[in-house]
């Protein structure tokens, strides 16, 4: 297992019909650095800094996951795992139904 992997991935809504799996530090850092500047706030900055610190070995990966979780929950883009898996299954089956 990747040392930078989250124990359990998080799923975030990127758009109305797009859900992204965040499985490790690289995913979280990419997501946070792509976040629009005009929507950033202190919680975003703390989450990003914590992820970088974990990537550099200064903080545990669990702290980064918790900070990322707090950010996505605050901005209301956290998708529950069951719904995300249903969406992924529907995409793979080609039915388009959820």
PDB file of N, CA and C in Angstrom:
ATOM      1  N   UNK A   1       0.843  -1.193   0.000  1.00  0.00           N
ATOM      2  CA  UNK A   1       0.000   0.000   0.000  1.00  0.00           C
ATOM      3  C   UNK A   1       0.880   1.245   0.000  1.00  0.00           C
ATOM      4  N   UNK A   2       0.463   2.234  -0.708  1.00  0.00           N
ATOM      5  CA  UNK A   2       1.165   3.501  -0.797  1.00  0.00           C
ATOM      6  C   UNK A   2       1.153   4.194   0.564  1.00  0.00           C
ATOM      7  N   UNK A   3       2.317   4.611   1.047  1.00  0.00           N
ATOM      8  CA  UNK A   3       2.418   5.261   2.354  1.00  0.00           C
ATOM      9  C   UNK A   3       1.657   6.577   2.400  1.00  0.00           C
ATOM     10  N   UNK A   4       1.383   7.146   1.234  1.00  0.00           N
ATOM     11  CA  UNK A   4       0.669   8.418   1.179  1.00  0.00           C
ATOM     12  C   UNK A   4      -0.823   8.231   0.946  1.00  0.00           C
ATOM     13  N   UNK A   5      -1.260   6.987   0.907  1.00  0.00           N
ATOM     14  CA  UNK A   5      -2.673   6.702   0.634  1.00  0.00           C
ATOM     15  C   UNK A   5      -3.515   6.942   1.875  1.00  0.00           C
ATOM     16  N   UNK A   6      -4.729   7.407   1.641  1.00  0.00           N
ATOM     17  CA  UNK A   6      -5.696   7.536   2.724  1.00  0.00           C
ATOM     18  C   UNK A   6      -6.213   6.138   3.032  1.00  0.00           C
ATOM     19  N   UNK A   7      -6.484   5.849   4.286  1.00  0.00           N
ATOM     20  CA  UNK A   7      -7.028   4.551   4.651  1.00  0.00           C
ATOM     21  C   UNK A   7      -8.331   4.271   3.935  1.00  0.00           C
ATOM     22  N   UNK A   8      -9.165   5.267   3.863  1.00  0.00           N
ATOM     23  CA  UNK A   8     -10.445   5.192   3.157  1.00  0.00           C
ATOM     24  C   UNK A   8     -10.530   6.411   2.254  1.00  0.00           C
ATOM     25  N   UNK A   9     -10.796   6.212   0.967  1.00  0.00           N
ATOM     26  CA  UNK A   9     -10.874   7.372   0.075  1.00  0.00           C
ATOM     27  C   UNK A   9     -12.081   8.251   0.391  1.00  0.00           C
ATOM     28  N   UNK A  10     -11.988   9.483  -0.027  1.00  0.00           N
ATOM     29  CA  UNK A  10     -13.103  10.422   0.068  1.00  0.00           C
ATOM     30  C   UNK A  10     -13.603  10.689  -1.347  1.00  0.00           C
ATOM     31  N   UNK A  11     -14.879  10.980  -1.459  1.00  0.00           N
ATOM     32  CA  UNK A  11     -15.472  11.285  -2.754  1.00  0.00           C
ATOM     33  C   UNK A  11     -16.016  12.697  -2.704  1.00  0.00           C
ATOM     34  N   UNK A  12     -15.671  13.485  -3.715  1.00  0.00           N
ATOM     35  CA  UNK A  12     -16.103  14.877  -3.763  1.00  0.00           C
ATOM     36  C   UNK A  12     -16.825  15.166  -5.070  1.00  0.00           C
ATOM     37  N   UNK A  13     -17.789  16.063  -4.989  1.00  0.00           N
ATOM     38  CA  UNK A  13     -18.536  16.489  -6.177  1.00  0.00           C
ATOM     39  C   UNK A  13     -17.759  17.602  -6.864  1.00  0.00           C
ATOM     40  N   UNK A  14     -17.335  17.331  -8.067  1.00  0.00           N
ATOM     41  CA  UNK A  14     -16.634  18.358  -8.848  1.00  0.00           C
ATOM     42  C   UNK A  14     -17.620  19.211  -9.628  1.00  0.00           C
ATOM     43  N   UNK A  15     -18.754  18.615  -9.972  1.00  0.00           N
ATOM     44  CA  UNK A  15     -19.793  19.273 -10.745  1.00  0.00           C
ATOM     45  C   UNK A  15     -21.076  18.497 -10.469  1.00  0.00           C
ATOM     46  N   UNK A  16     -22.162  18.932 -11.036  1.00  0.00           N
ATOM     47  CA  UNK A  16     -23.443  18.284 -10.780  1.00  0.00           C
ATOM     48  C   UNK A  16     -23.385  16.782 -11.013  1.00  0.00           C
ATOM     49  N   UNK A  17     -22.736  16.364 -12.083  1.00  0.00           N
ATOM     50  CA  UNK A  17     -22.717  14.943 -12.433  1.00  0.00           C
ATOM     51  C   UNK A  17     -21.329  14.317 -12.360  1.00  0.00           C
ATOM     52  N   UNK A  18     -20.382  14.993 -11.760  1.00  0.00           N
ATOM     53  CA  UNK A  18     -19.017  14.474 -11.698  1.00  0.00           C
ATOM     54  C   UNK A  18     -18.594  14.309 -10.238  1.00  0.00           C
ATOM     55  N   UNK A  19     -18.206  13.081  -9.904  1.00  0.00           N
ATOM     56  CA  UNK A  19     -17.697  12.769  -8.572  1.00  0.00           C
ATOM     57  C   UNK A  19     -16.270  12.278  -8.730  1.00  0.00           C
ATOM     58  N   UNK A  20     -15.375  12.798  -7.900  1.00  0.00           N
ATOM     59  CA  UNK A  20     -13.969  12.417  -7.962  1.00  0.00           C
ATOM     60  C   UNK A  20     -13.573  11.692  -6.688  1.00  0.00           C
ATOM     61  N   UNK A  21     -12.824  10.609  -6.848  1.00  0.00           N
ATOM     62  CA  UNK A  21     -12.281   9.881  -5.711  1.00  0.00           C
ATOM     63  C   UNK A  21     -10.952  10.508  -5.310  1.00  0.00           C
ATOM     64  N   UNK A  22     -10.815  10.798  -4.027  1.00  0.00           N
ATOM     65  CA  UNK A  22      -9.565  11.313  -3.478  1.00  0.00           C
ATOM     66  C   UNK A  22      -9.000  10.199  -2.605  1.00  0.00           C
ATOM     67  N   UNK A  23      -7.985   9.516  -3.118  1.00  0.00           N
ATOM     68  CA  UNK A  23      -7.473   8.316  -2.457  1.00  0.00           C
ATOM     69  C   UNK A  23      -6.148   8.517  -1.738  1.00  0.00           C
ATOM     70  N   UNK A  24      -5.454   9.625  -2.034  1.00  0.00           N
ATOM     71  CA  UNK A  24      -4.142   9.821  -1.419  1.00  0.00           C
ATOM     72  C   UNK A  24      -3.774  11.303  -1.387  1.00  0.00           C
ATOM     73  N   UNK A  25      -2.588  11.570  -0.878  1.00  0.00           N
ATOM     74  CA  UNK A  25      -2.140  12.951  -0.740  1.00  0.00           C
ATOM     75  C   UNK A  25      -2.044  13.663  -2.087  1.00  0.00           C
ATOM     76  N   UNK A  26      -1.544  12.970  -3.100  1.00  0.00           N
ATOM     77  CA  UNK A  26      -1.410  13.606  -4.414  1.00  0.00           C
ATOM     78  C   UNK A  26      -2.774  14.034  -4.953  1.00  0.00           C
ATOM     79  N   UNK A  27      -3.784  13.180  -4.798  1.00  0.00           N
ATOM     80  CA  UNK A  27      -5.133  13.541  -5.238  1.00  0.00           C
ATOM     81  C   UNK A  27      -5.631  14.775  -4.490  1.00  0.00           C
ATOM     82  N   UNK A  28      -5.433  14.777  -3.182  1.00  0.00           N
ATOM     83  CA  UNK A  28      -5.917  15.894  -2.360  1.00  0.00           C
ATOM     84  C   UNK A  28      -5.195  17.196  -2.720  1.00  0.00           C
ATOM     85  N   UNK A  29      -3.880  17.113  -2.891  1.00  0.00           N
ATOM     86  CA  UNK A  29      -3.110  18.311  -3.244  1.00  0.00           C
ATOM     87  C   UNK A  29      -3.534  18.830  -4.607  1.00  0.00           C
ATOM     88  N   UNK A  30      -3.687  17.939  -5.571  1.00  0.00           N
ATOM     89  CA  UNK A  30      -4.140  18.368  -6.908  1.00  0.00           C
ATOM     90  C   UNK A  30      -5.494  19.055  -6.822  1.00  0.00           C
ATOM     91  N   UNK A  31      -6.417  18.442  -6.092  1.00  0.00           N
ATOM     92  CA  UNK A  31      -7.756  19.014  -5.964  1.00  0.00           C
ATOM     93  C   UNK A  31      -7.695  20.404  -5.327  1.00  0.00           C
ATOM     94  N   UNK A  32      -6.946  20.522  -4.241  1.00  0.00           N
ATOM     95  CA  UNK A  32      -6.871  21.793  -3.518  1.00  0.00           C
ATOM     96  C   UNK A  32      -6.153  22.878  -4.316  1.00  0.00           C
ATOM     97  N   UNK A  33      -5.125  22.509  -5.080  1.00  0.00           N
ATOM     98  CA  UNK A  33      -4.415  23.530  -5.864  1.00  0.00           C
ATOM     99  C   UNK A  33      -5.243  23.977  -7.065  1.00  0.00           C
ATOM    100  N   UNK A  34      -6.159  23.127  -7.537  1.00  0.00           N
ATOM    101  CA  UNK A  34      -7.042  23.502  -8.645  1.00  0.00           C
ATOM    102  C   UNK A  34      -8.274  24.289  -8.182  1.00  0.00           C
ATOM    103  N   UNK A  35      -8.479  24.358  -6.881  1.00  0.00           N
ATOM    104  CA  UNK A  35      -9.632  25.060  -6.339  1.00  0.00           C
ATOM    105  C   UNK A  35      -9.558  26.540  -6.723  1.00  0.00           C
ATOM    106  N   UNK A  36     -10.654  27.139  -7.175  1.00  0.00           N
ATOM    107  CA  UNK A  36     -10.632  28.548  -7.607  1.00  0.00           C
ATOM    108  C   UNK A  36     -10.188  29.494  -6.478  1.00  0.00           C
ATOM    109  N   UNK A  37      -9.297  30.412  -6.822  1.00  0.00           N
ATOM    110  CA  UNK A  37      -8.783  31.370  -5.838  1.00  0.00           C
ATOM    111  C   UNK A  37      -9.890  32.167  -5.164  1.00  0.00           C
ATOM    112  N   UNK A  38     -10.917  32.519  -5.929  1.00  0.00           N
ATOM    113  CA  UNK A  38     -11.979  33.345  -5.368  1.00  0.00           C
ATOM    114  C   UNK A  38     -12.872  32.566  -4.395  1.00  0.00           C
ATOM    115  N   UNK A  39     -12.710  31.246  -4.328  1.00  0.00           N
ATOM    116  CA  UNK A  39     -13.491  30.429  -3.395  1.00  0.00           C
ATOM    117  C   UNK A  39     -12.631  29.929  -2.237  1.00  0.00           C
ATOM    118  N   UNK A  40     -11.361  30.290  -2.233  1.00  0.00           N
ATOM    119  CA  UNK A  40     -10.456  29.862  -1.171  1.00  0.00           C
ATOM    120  C   UNK A  40     -10.707  30.633   0.110  1.00  0.00           C
ATOM    121  N   UNK A  41     -10.383  29.996   1.228  1.00  0.00           N
ATOM    122  CA  UNK A  41     -10.501  30.647   2.526  1.00  0.00           C
ATOM    123  C   UNK A  41      -9.469  30.040   3.463  1.00  0.00           C
ATOM    124  N   UNK A  42      -9.531  30.385   4.729  1.00  0.00           N
ATOM    125  CA  UNK A  42      -8.559  29.896   5.693  1.00  0.00           C
ATOM    126  C   UNK A  42      -8.600  28.372   5.825  1.00  0.00           C
ATOM    127  N   UNK A  43      -9.772  27.782   5.766  1.00  0.00           N
ATOM    128  CA  UNK A  43      -9.897  26.330   5.879  1.00  0.00           C
ATOM    129  C   UNK A  43      -9.226  25.657   4.681  1.00  0.00           C
ATOM    130  N   UNK A  44      -9.394  26.223   3.503  1.00  0.00           N
ATOM    131  CA  UNK A  44      -8.728  25.715   2.303  1.00  0.00           C
ATOM    132  C   UNK A  44      -7.217  25.786   2.476  1.00  0.00           C
ATOM    133  N   UNK A  45      -6.720  26.914   2.914  1.00  0.00           N
ATOM    134  CA  UNK A  45      -5.274  27.093   3.092  1.00  0.00           C
ATOM    135  C   UNK A  45      -4.711  26.113   4.124  1.00  0.00           C
ATOM    136  N   UNK A  46      -5.428  25.909   5.212  1.00  0.00           N
ATOM    137  CA  UNK A  46      -4.979  24.972   6.244  1.00  0.00           C
ATOM    138  C   UNK A  46      -4.955  23.549   5.688  1.00  0.00           C
ATOM    139  N   UNK A  47      -5.982  23.169   4.942  1.00  0.00           N
ATOM    140  CA  UNK A  47      -6.033  21.826   4.360  1.00  0.00           C
ATOM    141  C   UNK A  47      -4.869  21.622   3.393  1.00  0.00           C
ATOM    142  N   UNK A  48      -4.617  22.593   2.547  1.00  0.00           N
ATOM    143  CA  UNK A  48      -3.522  22.482   1.587  1.00  0.00           C
ATOM    144  C   UNK A  48      -2.171  22.411   2.297  1.00  0.00           C
ATOM    145  N   UNK A  49      -1.964  23.262   3.271  1.00  0.00           N
ATOM    146  CA  UNK A  49      -0.703  23.260   4.016  1.00  0.00           C
ATOM    147  C   UNK A  49      -0.499  21.936   4.748  1.00  0.00           C
ATOM    148  N   UNK A  50      -1.572  21.409   5.345  1.00  0.00           N
ATOM    149  CA  UNK A  50      -1.483  20.143   6.063  1.00  0.00           C
ATOM    150  C   UNK A  50      -1.158  19.005   5.101  1.00  0.00           C
ATOM    151  N   UNK A  51      -1.746  19.017   3.915  1.00  0.00           N
ATOM    152  CA  UNK A  51      -1.441  17.982   2.917  1.00  0.00           C
ATOM    153  C   UNK A  51       0.023  18.061   2.477  1.00  0.00           C
ATOM    154  N   UNK A  52       0.524  19.272   2.236  1.00  0.00           N
ATOM    155  CA  UNK A  52       1.941  19.422   1.882  1.00  0.00           C
ATOM    156  C   UNK A  52       2.846  18.953   3.022  1.00  0.00           C
ATOM    157  N   UNK A  53       2.486  19.293   4.251  1.00  0.00           N
ATOM    158  CA  UNK A  53       3.284  18.863   5.405  1.00  0.00           C
ATOM    159  C   UNK A  53       3.306  17.343   5.522  1.00  0.00           C
ATOM    160  N   UNK A  54       2.180  16.695   5.273  1.00  0.00           N
ATOM    161  CA  UNK A  54       2.123  15.231   5.321  1.00  0.00           C
ATOM    162  C   UNK A  54       2.940  14.634   4.175  1.00  0.00           C
ATOM    163  N   UNK A  55       2.862  15.244   3.015  1.00  0.00           N
ATOM    164  CA  UNK A  55       3.626  14.774   1.861  1.00  0.00           C
ATOM    165  C   UNK A  55       5.128  14.829   2.139  1.00  0.00           C
ATOM    166  N   UNK A  56       5.547  15.872   2.867  1.00  0.00           N
ATOM    167  CA  UNK A  56       6.955  16.046   3.223  1.00  0.00           C
ATOM    168  C   UNK A  56       7.356  15.270   4.481  1.00  0.00           C
ATOM    169  N   UNK A  57       6.399  14.573   5.089  1.00  0.00           N
ATOM    170  CA  UNK A  57       6.691  13.763   6.266  1.00  0.00           C
ATOM    171  C   UNK A  57       6.655  14.502   7.587  1.00  0.00           C
ATOM    172  N   UNK A  58       6.212  15.744   7.581  1.00  0.00           N
ATOM    173  CA  UNK A  58       6.160  16.529   8.824  1.00  0.00           C
ATOM    174  C   UNK A  58       4.889  16.300   9.623  1.00  0.00           C
ATOM    175  N   UNK A  59       3.864  15.750   8.976  1.00  0.00           N
ATOM    176  CA  UNK A  59       2.599  15.444   9.659  1.00  0.00           C
ATOM    177  C   UNK A  59       2.124  14.081   9.173  1.00  0.00           C
ATOM    178  N   UNK A  60       1.296  13.413   9.978  1.00  0.00           N
ATOM    179  CA  UNK A  60       0.773  12.119   9.526  1.00  0.00           C
ATOM    180  C   UNK A  60      -0.254  12.288   8.401  1.00  0.00           C
ATOM    181  N   UNK A  61      -0.358  11.264   7.567  1.00  0.00           N
ATOM    182  CA  UNK A  61      -1.321  11.281   6.470  1.00  0.00           C
ATOM    183  C   UNK A  61      -2.739  11.426   7.021  1.00  0.00           C
ATOM    184  N   UNK A  62      -2.998  10.848   8.175  1.00  0.00           N
ATOM    185  CA  UNK A  62      -4.338  10.954   8.761  1.00  0.00           C
ATOM    186  C   UNK A  62      -4.706  12.411   9.052  1.00  0.00           C
ATOM    187  N   UNK A  63      -3.735  13.229   9.436  1.00  0.00           N
ATOM    188  CA  UNK A  63      -4.009  14.654   9.685  1.00  0.00           C
ATOM    189  C   UNK A  63      -4.393  15.351   8.385  1.00  0.00           C
ATOM    190  N   UNK A  64      -3.722  14.984   7.297  1.00  0.00           N
ATOM    191  CA  UNK A  64      -4.046  15.577   5.994  1.00  0.00           C
ATOM    192  C   UNK A  64      -5.439  15.163   5.549  1.00  0.00           C
ATOM    193  N   UNK A  65      -5.767  13.881   5.719  1.00  0.00           N
ATOM    194  CA  UNK A  65      -7.101  13.406   5.336  1.00  0.00           C
ATOM    195  C   UNK A  65      -8.168  14.133   6.148  1.00  0.00           C
ATOM    196  N   UNK A  66      -7.926  14.288   7.447  1.00  0.00           N
ATOM    197  CA  UNK A  66      -8.890  14.987   8.308  1.00  0.00           C
ATOM    198  C   UNK A  66      -9.053  16.445   7.885  1.00  0.00           C
ATOM    199  N   UNK A  67      -7.959  17.101   7.548  1.00  0.00           N
ATOM    200  CA  UNK A  67      -8.032  18.504   7.113  1.00  0.00           C
ATOM    201  C   UNK A  67      -8.778  18.609   5.785  1.00  0.00           C
ATOM    202  N   UNK A  68      -8.493  17.698   4.862  1.00  0.00           N
ATOM    203  CA  UNK A  68      -9.186  17.699   3.578  1.00  0.00           C
ATOM    204  C   UNK A  68     -10.673  17.418   3.786  1.00  0.00           C
ATOM    205  N   UNK A  69     -10.987  16.448   4.637  1.00  0.00           N
ATOM    206  CA  UNK A  69     -12.375  16.123   4.962  1.00  0.00           C
ATOM    207  C   UNK A  69     -13.094  17.356   5.507  1.00  0.00           C
ATOM    208  N   UNK A  70     -12.461  18.068   6.424  1.00  0.00           N
ATOM    209  CA  UNK A  70     -13.066  19.271   6.992  1.00  0.00           C
ATOM    210  C   UNK A  70     -13.351  20.321   5.936  1.00  0.00           C
ATOM    211  N   UNK A  71     -12.418  20.477   4.993  1.00  0.00           N
ATOM    212  CA  UNK A  71     -12.613  21.459   3.934  1.00  0.00           C
ATOM    213  C   UNK A  71     -13.785  21.084   3.029  1.00  0.00           C
ATOM    214  N   UNK A  72     -13.793  19.836   2.523  1.00  0.00           N
ATOM    215  CA  UNK A  72     -14.860  19.469   1.580  1.00  0.00           C
ATOM    216  C   UNK A  72     -16.223  19.421   2.255  1.00  0.00           C
ATOM    217  N   UNK A  73     -16.244  19.094   3.522  1.00  0.00           N
ATOM    218  CA  UNK A  73     -17.514  19.117   4.261  1.00  0.00           C
ATOM    219  C   UNK A  73     -17.995  20.564   4.414  1.00  0.00           C
ATOM    220  N   UNK A  74     -17.068  21.468   4.716  1.00  0.00           N
ATOM    221  CA  UNK A  74     -17.417  22.882   4.913  1.00  0.00           C
ATOM    222  C   UNK A  74     -17.992  23.506   3.642  1.00  0.00           C
ATOM    223  N   UNK A  75     -17.422  23.143   2.495  1.00  0.00           N
ATOM    224  CA  UNK A  75     -17.902  23.724   1.235  1.00  0.00           C
ATOM    225  C   UNK A  75     -19.001  22.872   0.587  1.00  0.00           C
ATOM    226  N   UNK A  76     -19.448  21.861   1.319  1.00  0.00           N
ATOM    227  CA  UNK A  76     -20.600  21.028   0.938  1.00  0.00           C
ATOM    228  C   UNK A  76     -20.427  20.307  -0.393  1.00  0.00           C
ATOM    229  N   UNK A  77     -19.230  19.717  -0.585  1.00  0.00           N
ATOM    230  CA  UNK A  77     -19.010  18.931  -1.804  1.00  0.00           C
ATOM    231  C   UNK A  77     -18.648  17.482  -1.471  1.00  0.00           C
ATOM    232  N   UNK A  78     -18.786  17.101  -0.233  1.00  0.00           N
ATOM    233  CA  UNK A  78     -18.514  15.722   0.169  1.00  0.00           C
ATOM    234  C   UNK A  78     -19.647  14.829  -0.306  1.00  0.00           C
ATOM    235  N   UNK A  79     -19.305  13.763  -0.995  1.00  0.00           N
ATOM    236  CA  UNK A  79     -20.279  12.790  -1.490  1.00  0.00           C
ATOM    237  C   UNK A  79     -20.146  11.541  -0.631  1.00  0.00           C
ATOM    238  N   UNK A  80     -21.271  10.995  -0.176  1.00  0.00           N
ATOM    239  CA  UNK A  80     -21.160   9.785   0.641  1.00  0.00           C
ATOM    240  C   UNK A  80     -20.708   8.621  -0.247  1.00  0.00           C
ATOM    241  N   UNK A  81     -20.004   7.692   0.353  1.00  0.00           N
ATOM    242  CA  UNK A  81     -19.375   6.598  -0.381  1.00  0.00           C
ATOM    243  C   UNK A  81     -20.388   5.744  -1.151  1.00  0.00           C
ATOM    244  N   UNK A  82     -21.533   5.462  -0.558  1.00  0.00           N
ATOM    245  CA  UNK A  82     -22.543   4.626  -1.218  1.00  0.00           C
ATOM    246  C   UNK A  82     -23.036   5.275  -2.504  1.00  0.00           C
ATOM    247  N   UNK A  83     -23.376   6.546  -2.449  1.00  0.00           N
ATOM    248  CA  UNK A  83     -23.843   7.257  -3.649  1.00  0.00           C
ATOM    249  C   UNK A  83     -22.758   7.315  -4.716  1.00  0.00           C
ATOM    250  N   UNK A  84     -21.529   7.557  -4.281  1.00  0.00           N
ATOM    251  CA  UNK A  84     -20.426   7.626  -5.238  1.00  0.00           C
ATOM    252  C   UNK A  84     -20.219   6.296  -5.930  1.00  0.00           C
ATOM    253  N   UNK A  85     -20.293   5.205  -5.187  1.00  0.00           N
ATOM    254  CA  UNK A  85     -20.104   3.880  -5.779  1.00  0.00           C
ATOM    255  C   UNK A  85     -21.243   3.550  -6.750  1.00  0.00           C
ATOM    256  N   UNK A  86     -22.453   3.968  -6.431  1.00  0.00           N
ATOM    257  CA  UNK A  86     -23.576   3.737  -7.337  1.00  0.00           C
ATOM    258  C   UNK A  86     -23.380   4.500  -8.645  1.00  0.00           C
ATOM    259  N   UNK A  87     -22.898   5.727  -8.537  1.00  0.00           N
ATOM    260  CA  UNK A  87     -22.637   6.519  -9.743  1.00  0.00           C
ATOM    261  C   UNK A  87     -21.555   5.886 -10.594  1.00  0.00           C
ATOM    262  N   UNK A  88     -20.481   5.422  -9.933  1.00  0.00           N
ATOM    263  CA  UNK A  88     -19.392   4.791 -10.663  1.00  0.00           C
ATOM    264  C   UNK A  88     -19.858   3.508 -11.343  1.00  0.00           C
ATOM    265  N   UNK A  89     -20.655   2.729 -10.645  1.00  0.00           N
ATOM    266  CA  UNK A  89     -21.171   1.482 -11.223  1.00  0.00           C
ATOM    267  C   UNK A  89     -22.055   1.775 -12.428  1.00  0.00           C
ATOM    268  N   UNK A  90     -22.885   2.814 -12.334  1.00  0.00           N
ATOM    269  CA  UNK A  90     -23.752   3.178 -13.448  1.00  0.00           C
ATOM    270  C   UNK A  90     -22.937   3.624 -14.650  1.00  0.00           C
ATOM    271  N   UNK A  91     -21.856   4.352 -14.414  1.00  0.00           N
ATOM    272  CA  UNK A  91     -20.998   4.791 -15.521  1.00  0.00           C
ATOM    273  C   UNK A  91     -20.320   3.617 -16.190  1.00  0.00           C
ATOM    274  N   UNK A  92     -19.851   2.672 -15.397  1.00  0.00           N
ATOM    275  CA  UNK A  92     -19.147   1.505 -15.946  1.00  0.00           C
ATOM    276  C   UNK A  92     -20.100   0.598 -16.713  1.00  0.00           C
ATOM    277  N   UNK A  93     -21.360   0.517 -16.264  1.00  0.00           N
ATOM    278  CA  UNK A  93     -22.307  -0.364 -16.942  1.00  0.00           C
ATOM    279  C   UNK A  93     -22.830   0.262 -18.234  1.00  0.00           C
ATOM    280  N   UNK A  94     -22.679   1.583 -18.334  1.00  0.00           N
ATOM    281  CA  UNK A  94     -23.132   2.266 -19.536  1.00  0.00           C
ATOM    282  C   UNK A  94     -24.616   2.576 -19.562  1.00  0.00           C
ATOM    283  N   UNK A  95     -25.316   2.297 -18.451  1.00  0.00           N
ATOM    284  CA  UNK A  95     -26.756   2.561 -18.440  1.00  0.00           C
ATOM    285  C   UNK A  95     -27.059   4.027 -18.214  1.00  0.00           C
ATOM    286  N   UNK A  96     -26.163   4.705 -17.496  1.00  0.00           N
ATOM    287  CA  UNK A  96     -26.409   6.102 -17.180  1.00  0.00           C
ATOM    288  C   UNK A  96     -27.395   6.309 -16.055  1.00  0.00           C
ATOM    289  N   UNK A  97     -27.932   5.215 -15.518  1.00  0.00           N
ATOM    290  CA  UNK A  97     -28.899   5.323 -14.428  1.00  0.00           C
ATOM    291  C   UNK A  97     -28.184   5.200 -13.103  1.00  0.00           C
ATOM    292  N   UNK A  98     -28.704   5.903 -12.111  1.00  0.00           N
ATOM    293  CA  UNK A  98     -28.119   5.839 -10.766  1.00  0.00           C
ATOM    294  C   UNK A  98     -29.082   5.173  -9.838  1.00  0.00           C
TER     295      UNK A  98
END
